[in-house]
């Protein structure tokens, strides 16, 4: 699907969540990069970057919706691909150690967000 179709789905989800709890805080986690060998078609880094920019715009315009992309620095190579040490083997999934790093960073981020 297109970036706009993806964003329309996220907007619907956020609307549903806010229907349940108008004060809910939603964290949109940026899509991670993929490895060099995996970067084609739907899961290409250029497409992922477009979706992430749309996430950022949506979060910046929507009350209680926050963009979380800072974790990407932990798993991204200098060339913009998934780091070898973060690659779970197929270029699209993370290694266990990368997952642990990202979860720790996410917990820290959410604690700051929620005060």
C-alpha atoms as a PDB file:
ATOM      1  CA  UNK A   1       0.000   0.000   0.000  1.00  0.00           C
ATOM      2  CA  UNK A   2       0.862   3.640  -0.273  1.00  0.00           C
ATOM      3  CA  UNK A   3       2.193   5.875   2.475  1.00  0.00           C
ATOM      4  CA  UNK A   4      -1.150   7.695   2.571  1.00  0.00           C
ATOM      5  CA  UNK A   5      -3.039   4.396   2.986  1.00  0.00           C
ATOM      6  CA  UNK A   6      -0.681   3.450   5.817  1.00  0.00           C
ATOM      7  CA  UNK A   7      -1.239   6.803   7.511  1.00  0.00           C
ATOM      8  CA  UNK A   8      -5.012   6.585   7.081  1.00  0.00           C
ATOM      9  CA  UNK A   9      -4.916   3.280   8.964  1.00  0.00           C
ATOM     10  CA  UNK A  10      -2.855   4.823  11.780  1.00  0.00           C
ATOM     11  CA  UNK A  11      -5.226   7.792  11.984  1.00  0.00           C
ATOM     12  CA  UNK A  12      -8.173   5.395  12.337  1.00  0.00           C
ATOM     13  CA  UNK A  13      -6.387   3.461  15.075  1.00  0.00           C
ATOM     14  CA  UNK A  14      -5.560   6.637  17.019  1.00  0.00           C
ATOM     15  CA  UNK A  15      -9.152   7.849  16.660  1.00  0.00           C
ATOM     16  CA  UNK A  16     -10.432   4.520  18.013  1.00  0.00           C
ATOM     17  CA  UNK A  17      -7.985   4.650  20.931  1.00  0.00           C
ATOM     18  CA  UNK A  18      -9.003   8.215  21.766  1.00  0.00           C
ATOM     19  CA  UNK A  19     -12.624   7.077  21.639  1.00  0.00           C
ATOM     20  CA  UNK A  20     -11.847   4.683  24.471  1.00  0.00           C
ATOM     21  CA  UNK A  21      -9.677   7.154  26.418  1.00  0.00           C
ATOM     22  CA  UNK A  22      -9.536  10.774  25.247  1.00  0.00           C
ATOM     23  CA  UNK A  23      -6.370  11.371  27.311  1.00  0.00           C
ATOM     24  CA  UNK A  24      -4.455   8.385  25.965  1.00  0.00           C
ATOM     25  CA  UNK A  25      -0.858   8.986  24.924  1.00  0.00           C
ATOM     26  CA  UNK A  26       0.240   7.148  21.797  1.00  0.00           C
ATOM     27  CA  UNK A  27       3.848   6.559  20.812  1.00  0.00           C
ATOM     28  CA  UNK A  28       4.409   5.950  17.113  1.00  0.00           C
ATOM     29  CA  UNK A  29       7.623   3.994  16.856  1.00  0.00           C
ATOM     30  CA  UNK A  30       9.563   4.711  13.681  1.00  0.00           C
ATOM     31  CA  UNK A  31      10.016   1.839  11.314  1.00  0.00           C
ATOM     32  CA  UNK A  32      13.542   0.454  11.560  1.00  0.00           C
ATOM     33  CA  UNK A  33      15.956   0.264   8.647  1.00  0.00           C
ATOM     34  CA  UNK A  34      16.452  -3.022   6.849  1.00  0.00           C
ATOM     35  CA  UNK A  35      19.739  -4.634   5.929  1.00  0.00           C
ATOM     36  CA  UNK A  36      21.408  -3.968   2.594  1.00  0.00           C
ATOM     37  CA  UNK A  37      20.451  -7.424   1.279  1.00  0.00           C
ATOM     38  CA  UNK A  38      16.791  -6.934   2.277  1.00  0.00           C
ATOM     39  CA  UNK A  39      16.269  -3.377   1.027  1.00  0.00           C
ATOM     40  CA  UNK A  40      13.920  -3.703  -1.916  1.00  0.00           C
ATOM     41  CA  UNK A  41      10.227  -3.390  -2.651  1.00  0.00           C
ATOM     42  CA  UNK A  42       7.832  -2.669   0.196  1.00  0.00           C
ATOM     43  CA  UNK A  43      10.508  -2.877   2.880  1.00  0.00           C
ATOM     44  CA  UNK A  44      13.052  -0.617   1.211  1.00  0.00           C
ATOM     45  CA  UNK A  45      14.803   2.028   3.277  1.00  0.00           C
ATOM     46  CA  UNK A  46      13.625   4.889   1.005  1.00  0.00           C
ATOM     47  CA  UNK A  47      10.008   3.774   1.532  1.00  0.00           C
ATOM     48  CA  UNK A  48      10.582   3.294   5.267  1.00  0.00           C
ATOM     49  CA  UNK A  49      11.998   6.824   5.469  1.00  0.00           C
ATOM     50  CA  UNK A  50       8.899   8.228   3.734  1.00  0.00           C
ATOM     51  CA  UNK A  51       6.619   6.469   6.222  1.00  0.00           C
ATOM     52  CA  UNK A  52       8.705   7.731   9.131  1.00  0.00           C
ATOM     53  CA  UNK A  53       8.444  11.325   7.866  1.00  0.00           C
ATOM     54  CA  UNK A  54       4.667  10.879   7.655  1.00  0.00           C
ATOM     55  CA  UNK A  55       4.664   9.500  11.241  1.00  0.00           C
ATOM     56  CA  UNK A  56       6.595  12.573  12.392  1.00  0.00           C
ATOM     57  CA  UNK A  57       4.189  14.968  10.675  1.00  0.00           C
ATOM     58  CA  UNK A  58       1.164  13.162  12.106  1.00  0.00           C
ATOM     59  CA  UNK A  59       2.609  13.142  15.620  1.00  0.00           C
ATOM     60  CA  UNK A  60       3.555  16.824  15.456  1.00  0.00           C
ATOM     61  CA  UNK A  61      -0.019  17.769  14.480  1.00  0.00           C
ATOM     62  CA  UNK A  62      -1.909  15.401  16.790  1.00  0.00           C
ATOM     63  CA  UNK A  63      -2.433  15.942  20.508  1.00  0.00           C
ATOM     64  CA  UNK A  64      -0.937  13.202  22.700  1.00  0.00           C
ATOM     65  CA  UNK A  65       0.679  11.395  19.774  1.00  0.00           C
ATOM     66  CA  UNK A  66       4.456  11.202  19.968  1.00  0.00           C
ATOM     67  CA  UNK A  67       7.057  10.056  17.465  1.00  0.00           C
ATOM     68  CA  UNK A  68       9.840   7.799  18.703  1.00  0.00           C
ATOM     69  CA  UNK A  69      12.656   7.461  16.207  1.00  0.00           C
ATOM     70  CA  UNK A  70      15.744   8.084  18.281  1.00  0.00           C
ATOM     71  CA  UNK A  71      16.278   4.336  18.787  1.00  0.00           C
ATOM     72  CA  UNK A  72      17.285   4.017  15.137  1.00  0.00           C
ATOM     73  CA  UNK A  73      20.751   5.330  16.032  1.00  0.00           C
ATOM     74  CA  UNK A  74      21.304   2.106  18.009  1.00  0.00           C
ATOM     75  CA  UNK A  75      20.720  -0.202  15.060  1.00  0.00           C
ATOM     76  CA  UNK A  76      21.553   1.819  11.934  1.00  0.00           C
ATOM     77  CA  UNK A  77      24.849   1.678  10.069  1.00  0.00           C
ATOM     78  CA  UNK A  78      26.578   4.772   8.750  1.00  0.00           C
ATOM     79  CA  UNK A  79      25.164   3.937   5.311  1.00  0.00           C
ATOM     80  CA  UNK A  80      21.601   3.898   6.676  1.00  0.00           C
ATOM     81  CA  UNK A  81      21.068   0.135   6.703  1.00  0.00           C
ATOM     82  CA  UNK A  82      20.441  -2.210   9.612  1.00  0.00           C
ATOM     83  CA  UNK A  83      23.817  -2.710  11.336  1.00  0.00           C
ATOM     84  CA  UNK A  84      25.387  -6.135  10.985  1.00  0.00           C
ATOM     85  CA  UNK A  85      25.388  -6.561  14.782  1.00  0.00           C
ATOM     86  CA  UNK A  86      21.669  -5.733  14.877  1.00  0.00           C
ATOM     87  CA  UNK A  87      20.741  -8.036  12.006  1.00  0.00           C
ATOM     88  CA  UNK A  88      18.914 -11.169  13.095  1.00  0.00           C
ATOM     89  CA  UNK A  89      20.055 -12.957   9.942  1.00  0.00           C
ATOM     90  CA  UNK A  90      17.530 -12.065   7.260  1.00  0.00           C
ATOM     91  CA  UNK A  91      18.045  -8.310   7.037  1.00  0.00           C
ATOM     92  CA  UNK A  92      14.530  -7.587   8.223  1.00  0.00           C
ATOM     93  CA  UNK A  93      14.525  -8.785  11.820  1.00  0.00           C
ATOM     94  CA  UNK A  94      16.694  -7.782  14.754  1.00  0.00           C
ATOM     95  CA  UNK A  95      19.179  -9.797  16.737  1.00  0.00           C
ATOM     96  CA  UNK A  96      18.346 -10.516  20.378  1.00  0.00           C
ATOM     97  CA  UNK A  97      20.967  -8.031  21.587  1.00  0.00           C
ATOM     98  CA  UNK A  98      19.568  -5.273  19.334  1.00  0.00           C
ATOM     99  CA  UNK A  99      16.048  -5.978  20.586  1.00  0.00           C
ATOM    100  CA  UNK A 100      17.198  -5.653  24.198  1.00  0.00           C
ATOM    101  CA  UNK A 101      18.951  -2.330  23.450  1.00  0.00           C
ATOM    102  CA  UNK A 102      15.877  -0.918  21.721  1.00  0.00           C
ATOM    103  CA  UNK A 103      13.481  -2.053  24.463  1.00  0.00           C
ATOM    104  CA  UNK A 104      15.670  -0.421  27.135  1.00  0.00           C
ATOM    105  CA  UNK A 105      15.763   2.797  25.112  1.00  0.00           C
ATOM    106  CA  UNK A 106      11.997   2.690  24.536  1.00  0.00           C
ATOM    107  CA  UNK A 107      11.349   2.240  28.280  1.00  0.00           C
ATOM    108  CA  UNK A 108      13.526   5.263  29.030  1.00  0.00           C
ATOM    109  CA  UNK A 109      11.757   7.299  26.351  1.00  0.00           C
ATOM    110  CA  UNK A 110       8.272   6.367  27.600  1.00  0.00           C
ATOM    111  CA  UNK A 111       9.189   7.180  31.216  1.00  0.00           C
ATOM    112  CA  UNK A 112      10.300  10.660  30.116  1.00  0.00           C
ATOM    113  CA  UNK A 113       7.147  11.063  28.079  1.00  0.00           C
ATOM    114  CA  UNK A 114       4.812  10.042  30.875  1.00  0.00           C
ATOM    115  CA  UNK A 115       6.745  11.950  33.507  1.00  0.00           C
END
